[in-house]
Amino acid sequence: MKITRQIIIKLVETAILSFLIVIFTGTIYSLEREIEIKVGDTLYKIAREKLGDSKRWNEIAALNGIEAPYNIKVGDKLLLPQINESHIDVSNGLMRAAAENSSSPLSETAPFSPIKETTDINNQTNRNFNVSSNLHQSEISDTELTDTNIQKITSLKPSFVPTFVEPLGPLITGLRAHNPSIHAAEEAARAAAYRPSQAGALPDPMLRTAVRFDQQREVMIDNTGMVSVRTERMTMPMFQISQMIPLGKLGPMSNLERAMAGTYLEMTSMERATKERQLKTAYAELYYIDQAARTCLQIREVLKLLVASTEAMYRVGEARQSDVFRAQLEISMLSDRLLMLEGRRGATVSTINVLLDRSESERV
């Protein structure tokens, strides 16, 4: 009876232990399960939250045939590997324990506790998560927008923007004094001012001189019938003075020229106003370019800090690689805009120098 009882107890213990092994082993391998991708999920985030280690994202990618960590879509299903490789060792330990128990049924070894092992695994996962969080905080703290960084950024300006820009008042004075178009209009108006007096004056008198040469022959017959011829030469100088008097025309012609002179004065004022408008427009464009370039440079420096922060978040699985690419693309676009603004500033400075009749390469 004692032998039979011992055999029954041994069989029952073996059956219970085998049942526990089957349940725990099934639980371990059931961890290789499917999850649904939600908004904001990345392979790094899933690996950190589900597996306890963000570096195991490549195992998830290899298991699901994903080429890039950011190449996932919301709603897709992902198959996850085991939480930790230690599960395999735990499973093998259970099998070894079962074999030992089956070989020595009367052993006093304490039964295996799967709850304790699961608790140890959860503790290891929490420790890994805390390490990742500390790494994330330490890396981002180096790229925060502190007051010192903000002061440095706001004091930046592009190299092609000079420290001192000429005021508008002296530029307008130089425009009036040196612009060729304004000078030409003023000279034309000055010449037109002399025309009314000339138009109302009488035409110049005309003096004509001439010399007339004449030769006369006389034929004479006397009483005896003789014929004689006498030749007489004559020289006659002639002088003629004439003066035209255009009655009814001098007054209207003078008034017409006086109106034309006024037109030239108005054209001079219009030319001066036009050139001043062009100068003020170019100066406003120059101010806009300088301010836009300074703002773009400051925004680019802020984006550089954000890129460093995004890369740090990407390394710990808090951001996607597409976010890093997008921030880098914004920096590249701002750099291109700075080059475009530099070209526009050179063209605007050349326009101002042409208006002032200066060298095109002179800085404003």
Protein backbone atom coordinates (compact mmCIF):
# COMPACT_ATOMS: atom_id res chain seq x y z
CA MET A 1 0.00 0.00 0.00
CA LYS A 2 2.81 2.43 0.85
CA ILE A 3 4.52 1.76 -2.47
CA THR A 4 1.26 2.24 -4.37
CA ARG A 5 0.58 5.48 -2.47
CA GLN A 6 4.06 6.80 -3.22
CA ILE A 7 3.64 5.93 -6.89
CA ILE A 8 0.28 7.72 -7.03
CA ILE A 9 1.74 10.80 -5.32
CA LYS A 10 4.68 10.78 -7.75
CA LEU A 11 2.35 10.52 -10.74
CA VAL A 12 0.16 13.35 -9.45
CA GLU A 13 3.16 15.64 -8.81
CA THR A 14 4.56 14.86 -12.25
CA ALA A 15 1.21 15.57 -13.91
CA ILE A 16 0.77 18.87 -12.04
CA LEU A 17 4.32 19.98 -12.85
CA SER A 18 3.90 19.02 -16.51
CA PHE A 19 0.64 20.95 -16.62
CA LEU A 20 2.32 24.02 -15.16
CA ILE A 21 5.18 23.67 -17.66
CA VAL A 22 2.76 23.47 -20.58
CA ILE A 23 0.81 26.53 -19.37
CA PHE A 24 3.91 28.66 -18.70
CA THR A 25 5.59 27.62 -21.95
CA GLY A 26 2.43 28.48 -23.85
CA THR A 27 2.36 31.84 -22.12
CA ILE A 28 5.95 32.50 -23.13
CA TYR A 29 5.44 31.66 -26.74
CA SER A 30 2.11 33.44 -26.81
CA LEU A 31 4.15 36.59 -26.30
CA GLU A 32 4.98 36.23 -29.95
CA ARG A 33 1.66 37.90 -30.75
CA GLU A 34 0.17 40.45 -33.08
CA ILE A 35 -0.45 44.06 -32.14
CA GLU A 36 -2.14 46.83 -34.07
CA ILE A 37 -0.15 49.95 -34.91
CA LYS A 38 -1.65 53.11 -33.47
CA VAL A 39 -1.08 56.79 -34.21
CA GLY A 40 2.36 57.86 -33.03
CA ASP A 41 3.78 54.34 -32.85
CA THR A 42 7.24 53.59 -34.17
CA LEU A 43 9.31 50.43 -34.09
CA TYR A 44 11.53 52.04 -31.46
CA LYS A 45 8.56 52.92 -29.27
CA ILE A 46 6.97 49.49 -29.68
CA ALA A 47 10.27 47.74 -28.91
CA ARG A 48 10.76 49.85 -25.80
CA GLU A 49 7.20 49.47 -24.49
CA LYS A 50 6.58 45.85 -25.45
CA LEU A 51 10.05 44.32 -25.31
CA GLY A 52 11.74 46.62 -22.81
CA ASP A 53 14.58 47.54 -25.16
CA SER A 54 14.28 49.98 -28.05
CA LYS A 55 17.36 48.46 -29.70
CA ARG A 56 15.32 45.34 -30.48
CA TRP A 57 13.37 47.19 -33.17
CA ASN A 58 15.43 45.33 -35.78
CA GLU A 59 14.04 42.01 -34.49
CA ILE A 60 10.50 43.31 -35.04
CA ALA A 61 11.48 44.59 -38.48
CA ALA A 62 13.09 41.27 -39.44
CA LEU A 63 10.12 39.29 -38.11
CA ASN A 64 7.62 41.37 -40.13
CA GLY A 65 9.78 42.01 -43.21
CA ILE A 66 10.02 45.79 -42.68
CA GLU A 67 12.89 47.48 -44.47
CA ALA A 68 12.88 50.86 -42.68
CA PRO A 69 11.82 51.63 -39.08
CA TYR A 70 9.51 54.43 -40.17
CA ASN A 71 7.89 52.44 -42.98
CA ILE A 72 4.83 51.41 -40.99
CA LYS A 73 1.20 52.44 -41.27
CA VAL A 74 -1.54 52.98 -38.72
CA GLY A 75 -3.79 49.94 -38.51
CA ASP A 76 -1.21 47.40 -39.66
CA LYS A 77 -0.56 44.25 -37.63
CA LEU A 78 2.88 43.52 -36.24
CA LEU A 79 4.13 40.18 -34.92
CA LEU A 80 6.25 40.64 -31.80
CA PRO A 81 9.12 38.39 -30.70
CA GLN A 82 9.70 37.25 -27.12
CA ILE A 83 10.11 39.89 -24.44
CA ASN A 84 13.60 38.75 -23.46
CA GLU A 85 15.93 35.95 -24.41
CA SER A 86 15.93 34.85 -20.76
CA HIS A 87 12.51 33.29 -21.41
CA ILE A 88 14.18 30.60 -23.44
CA ASP A 89 16.48 29.85 -20.53
CA VAL A 90 13.50 29.80 -18.20
CA SER A 91 11.70 27.35 -20.47
CA ASN A 92 14.76 25.11 -20.65
CA GLY A 93 15.06 25.31 -16.86
CA LEU A 94 11.48 24.13 -16.49
CA MET A 95 12.13 21.20 -18.77
CA ARG A 96 15.26 20.30 -16.82
CA ALA A 97 13.36 20.57 -13.56
CA ALA A 98 10.67 18.27 -14.90
CA ALA A 99 13.26 15.75 -15.97
CA GLU A 100 14.91 15.86 -12.53
CA ASN A 101 11.60 15.48 -10.79
CA SER A 102 10.65 12.58 -13.02
CA SER A 103 13.99 10.87 -12.39
CA SER A 104 13.82 11.36 -8.59
CA PRO A 105 10.19 11.35 -7.56
CA LEU A 106 10.98 11.45 -3.85
CA SER A 107 13.06 14.66 -4.16
CA GLU A 108 12.33 17.46 -1.73
CA THR A 109 13.09 20.20 -4.24
CA ALA A 110 10.69 23.15 -4.00
CA PRO A 111 8.27 23.47 -6.93
CA PHE A 112 9.01 26.09 -9.63
CA SER A 113 7.13 29.40 -9.35
CA PRO A 114 6.27 30.97 -12.75
CA ILE A 115 4.79 34.00 -11.01
CA LYS A 116 8.16 34.91 -9.52
CA GLU A 117 9.88 34.60 -12.90
CA THR A 118 7.27 36.78 -14.53
CA THR A 119 7.80 39.39 -11.81
CA ASP A 120 11.55 39.34 -12.45
CA ILE A 121 10.94 39.86 -16.17
CA ASN A 122 8.66 42.83 -15.48
CA ASN A 123 11.28 44.35 -13.18
CA GLN A 124 13.91 43.95 -15.89
CA THR A 125 11.58 45.62 -18.41
CA ASN A 126 10.98 48.55 -16.06
CA ARG A 127 14.72 48.94 -15.48
CA ASN A 128 15.33 49.03 -19.25
CA PHE A 129 12.56 51.62 -19.70
CA ASN A 130 14.01 53.82 -16.95
CA VAL A 131 17.47 53.65 -18.53
CA SER A 132 16.02 54.68 -21.90
CA SER A 133 14.10 57.55 -20.29
CA ASN A 134 17.20 58.81 -18.50
CA LEU A 135 19.19 58.66 -21.74
CA HIS A 136 16.45 60.60 -23.52
CA GLN A 137 16.40 63.33 -20.88
CA SER A 138 20.17 63.69 -20.74
CA GLU A 139 20.49 64.04 -24.50
CA ILE A 140 17.66 66.51 -24.96
CA SER A 141 18.80 68.69 -22.05
CA ASP A 142 21.88 69.62 -24.07
CA THR A 143 19.69 71.04 -26.86
CA GLU A 144 17.06 72.94 -24.90
CA LEU A 145 16.21 76.56 -25.77
CA THR A 146 17.77 78.19 -22.73
CA ASP A 147 17.88 81.95 -22.22
CA THR A 148 21.53 81.99 -23.22
CA ASN A 149 20.81 80.15 -26.47
CA ILE A 150 17.88 82.47 -27.20
CA GLN A 151 20.06 85.56 -26.70
CA LYS A 152 22.74 84.12 -28.95
CA ILE A 153 20.20 83.26 -31.64
CA THR A 154 18.46 86.65 -31.58
CA SER A 155 21.82 88.41 -31.97
CA LEU A 156 22.71 86.49 -35.13
CA LYS A 157 22.64 88.05 -38.58
CA PRO A 158 23.83 86.95 -42.03
CA SER A 159 27.35 87.82 -43.08
CA PHE A 160 26.14 89.67 -46.19
CA VAL A 161 24.13 92.14 -44.07
CA PRO A 162 26.41 95.06 -43.04
CA THR A 163 26.51 96.36 -39.51
CA PHE A 164 25.59 99.91 -40.55
CA VAL A 165 23.07 100.74 -43.29
CA GLU A 166 22.99 104.28 -44.71
CA PRO A 167 19.93 106.36 -43.66
CA LEU A 168 17.36 107.23 -46.27
CA GLY A 169 17.72 111.02 -45.95
CA PRO A 170 21.34 111.31 -47.17
CA LEU A 171 20.56 108.88 -49.96
CA ILE A 172 17.72 111.10 -51.24
CA THR A 173 20.02 114.14 -51.07
CA GLY A 174 22.66 112.27 -53.07
CA LEU A 175 20.00 111.19 -55.57
CA ARG A 176 18.95 114.79 -56.26
CA ALA A 177 22.56 115.87 -56.59
CA HIS A 178 23.98 113.08 -58.75
CA ASN A 179 21.23 111.29 -60.64
CA PRO A 180 21.84 111.69 -64.44
CA SER A 181 18.17 111.56 -65.41
CA ILE A 182 17.25 114.32 -62.98
CA HIS A 183 20.14 116.44 -64.27
CA ALA A 184 19.01 115.95 -67.88
CA ALA A 185 15.43 116.96 -67.03
CA GLU A 186 16.61 120.06 -65.16
CA GLU A 187 18.80 121.18 -68.08
CA ALA A 188 15.93 120.67 -70.52
CA ALA A 189 13.65 122.79 -68.33
CA ARG A 190 16.32 125.47 -68.04
CA ALA A 191 16.66 125.63 -71.83
CA ALA A 192 12.89 125.78 -72.30
CA ALA A 193 12.70 128.81 -70.02
CA TYR A 194 14.52 130.95 -72.65
CA ARG A 195 12.18 130.12 -75.52
CA PRO A 196 9.15 132.35 -74.72
CA SER A 197 11.16 135.58 -75.06
CA GLN A 198 12.63 134.42 -78.33
CA ALA A 199 9.27 133.35 -79.68
CA GLY A 200 7.71 136.81 -78.96
CA ALA A 201 10.51 138.83 -80.57
CA LEU A 202 10.52 140.14 -84.18
CA PRO A 203 12.48 138.19 -86.74
CA ASP A 204 15.96 139.44 -87.47
CA PRO A 205 16.18 142.11 -90.20
CA MET A 206 17.71 141.16 -93.52
CA LEU A 207 20.40 143.17 -95.40
CA ARG A 208 21.02 142.58 -99.09
CA THR A 209 23.87 144.04 -101.14
CA ALA A 210 24.45 143.91 -104.89
CA VAL A 211 26.64 145.50 -107.62
CA ARG A 212 25.19 146.11 -111.05
CA PHE A 213 27.44 146.29 -114.10
CA ASP A 214 25.98 147.86 -117.30
CA GLN A 215 27.37 148.68 -120.74
CA GLN A 216 25.67 150.97 -123.31
CA ARG A 217 26.51 151.52 -127.03
CA GLU A 218 25.44 154.54 -129.04
CA VAL A 219 25.50 154.71 -132.86
CA MET A 220 25.71 158.23 -134.30
CA ILE A 221 25.41 159.38 -138.00
CA ASP A 222 26.52 162.92 -138.82
CA ASN A 223 25.46 165.17 -141.74
CA THR A 224 28.16 163.86 -143.95
CA GLY A 225 26.86 160.39 -143.50
CA MET A 226 29.62 159.11 -141.29
CA VAL A 227 28.65 156.48 -138.72
CA SER A 228 30.33 156.39 -135.31
CA VAL A 229 29.83 153.94 -132.38
CA ARG A 230 30.39 154.98 -128.77
CA THR A 231 30.53 152.47 -125.88
CA GLU A 232 29.77 153.55 -122.30
CA ARG A 233 30.31 151.33 -119.27
CA MET A 234 28.44 151.82 -115.95
CA THR A 235 28.90 150.26 -112.42
CA MET A 236 26.03 150.59 -109.93
CA PRO A 237 26.23 149.27 -106.28
CA MET A 238 22.85 148.29 -104.65
CA PHE A 239 21.87 147.93 -100.95
CA GLN A 240 18.56 146.53 -99.52
CA ILE A 241 17.34 146.22 -95.89
CA SER A 242 14.13 144.27 -95.06
CA GLN A 243 12.24 143.56 -91.79
CA MET A 244 9.38 141.03 -91.43
CA ILE A 245 6.57 141.98 -89.07
CA PRO A 246 4.30 138.89 -88.41
CA LEU A 247 1.21 140.67 -87.20
CA GLY A 248 -0.96 138.63 -84.76
CA LYS A 249 1.48 135.75 -84.37
CA LEU A 250 4.14 136.81 -81.88
CA GLY A 251 1.88 136.80 -78.79
CA PRO A 252 0.43 133.29 -79.31
CA MET A 253 3.84 131.85 -80.12
CA SER A 254 5.28 133.36 -76.94
CA ASN A 255 2.42 131.95 -74.87
CA LEU A 256 2.92 128.52 -76.44
CA GLU A 257 6.61 128.43 -75.58
CA ARG A 258 5.85 129.63 -72.06
CA ALA A 259 3.44 126.70 -71.64
CA MET A 260 6.06 124.33 -73.00
CA ALA A 261 8.56 125.64 -70.45
CA GLY A 262 6.04 124.93 -67.68
CA THR A 263 5.62 121.42 -69.06
CA TYR A 264 9.36 120.86 -68.85
CA LEU A 265 9.32 122.01 -65.23
CA GLU A 266 6.56 119.54 -64.46
CA MET A 267 8.48 116.80 -66.23
CA THR A 268 11.50 117.61 -64.09
CA SER A 269 9.42 117.34 -60.92
CA MET A 270 7.92 114.09 -62.18
CA GLU A 271 11.37 112.66 -62.98
CA ARG A 272 12.64 113.65 -59.55
CA ALA A 273 9.60 112.08 -57.85
CA THR A 274 9.96 108.94 -59.97
CA LYS A 275 13.59 108.46 -59.05
CA GLU A 276 12.87 109.15 -55.38
CA ARG A 277 10.07 106.58 -55.49
CA GLN A 278 12.42 104.03 -57.05
CA LEU A 279 15.04 104.78 -54.40
CA LYS A 280 12.54 104.46 -51.54
CA THR A 281 11.16 101.24 -53.00
CA ALA A 282 14.65 99.78 -53.33
CA TYR A 283 15.50 100.93 -49.80
CA ALA A 284 12.34 99.29 -48.43
CA GLU A 285 13.20 96.13 -50.36
CA LEU A 286 16.69 96.25 -48.88
CA TYR A 287 15.29 96.60 -45.36
CA TYR A 288 12.90 93.70 -45.95
CA ILE A 289 15.71 91.51 -47.30
CA ASP A 290 17.94 92.25 -44.30
CA GLN A 291 15.16 91.53 -41.81
CA ALA A 292 14.04 88.39 -43.67
CA ALA A 293 17.62 87.12 -43.86
CA ARG A 294 18.15 87.75 -40.16
CA THR A 295 14.87 85.98 -39.32
CA CYS A 296 15.69 83.01 -41.59
CA LEU A 297 19.11 82.64 -39.99
CA GLN A 298 17.62 82.70 -36.50
CA ILE A 299 14.92 80.19 -37.46
CA ARG A 300 17.58 77.95 -39.00
CA GLU A 301 19.56 77.99 -35.76
CA VAL A 302 16.42 77.10 -33.81
CA LEU A 303 15.72 74.27 -36.26
CA LYS A 304 19.25 72.99 -35.76
CA LEU A 305 18.52 72.69 -32.05
CA LEU A 306 15.21 71.01 -32.83
CA VAL A 307 16.93 68.60 -35.22
CA ALA A 308 19.39 67.65 -32.48
CA SER A 309 16.46 67.17 -30.10
CA THR A 310 14.54 65.13 -32.69
CA GLU A 311 17.56 62.95 -33.37
CA ALA A 312 17.92 62.32 -29.64
CA MET A 313 14.22 61.41 -29.45
CA TYR A 314 14.63 59.24 -32.55
CA ARG A 315 17.48 57.31 -30.92
CA VAL A 316 15.27 56.42 -27.98
CA GLY A 317 12.17 55.75 -30.09
CA GLU A 318 10.19 58.89 -29.26
CA ALA A 319 10.25 60.28 -32.80
CA ARG A 320 10.17 58.98 -36.34
CA GLN A 321 13.00 59.19 -38.77
CA SER A 322 10.66 61.06 -41.09
CA ASP A 323 10.46 63.81 -38.46
CA VAL A 324 14.25 64.13 -38.56
CA PHE A 325 14.21 64.24 -42.36
CA ARG A 326 11.45 66.84 -42.32
CA ALA A 327 13.41 69.09 -39.93
CA GLN A 328 16.57 68.69 -42.00
CA LEU A 329 14.56 69.53 -45.12
CA GLU A 330 13.32 72.73 -43.47
CA ILE A 331 16.92 73.70 -42.67
CA SER A 332 17.91 73.07 -46.29
CA MET A 333 15.00 75.16 -47.54
CA LEU A 334 15.97 78.02 -45.22
CA SER A 335 19.57 77.83 -46.46
CA ASP A 336 18.32 78.06 -50.04
CA ARG A 337 16.16 81.04 -49.08
CA LEU A 338 19.18 82.74 -47.52
CA LEU A 339 21.10 82.30 -50.77
CA MET A 340 18.15 83.71 -52.69
CA LEU A 341 17.93 86.69 -50.34
CA GLU A 342 21.65 87.32 -50.73
CA GLY A 343 21.22 87.46 -54.51
CA ARG A 344 18.23 89.78 -54.20
CA ARG A 345 20.19 92.06 -51.88
CA GLY A 346 23.03 92.34 -54.38
CA ALA A 347 20.58 93.28 -57.14
CA THR A 348 18.84 95.83 -54.89
CA VAL A 349 22.14 97.42 -53.85
CA SER A 350 23.11 97.69 -57.53
CA THR A 351 19.81 99.46 -58.26
CA ILE A 352 20.42 101.97 -55.46
CA ASN A 353 23.99 102.63 -56.63
CA VAL A 354 22.82 103.19 -60.22
CA LEU A 355 20.25 105.72 -59.01
CA LEU A 356 22.99 107.51 -57.04
CA ASP A 357 25.46 107.33 -59.96
CA ARG A 358 27.90 105.29 -57.89
CA SER A 359 29.82 102.08 -58.46
CA GLU A 360 27.55 99.04 -58.46
CA SER A 361 29.86 97.18 -56.05
CA GLU A 362 29.70 99.89 -53.37
CA ARG A 363 27.99 98.67 -50.21
CA VAL A 364 24.88 100.35 -48.86
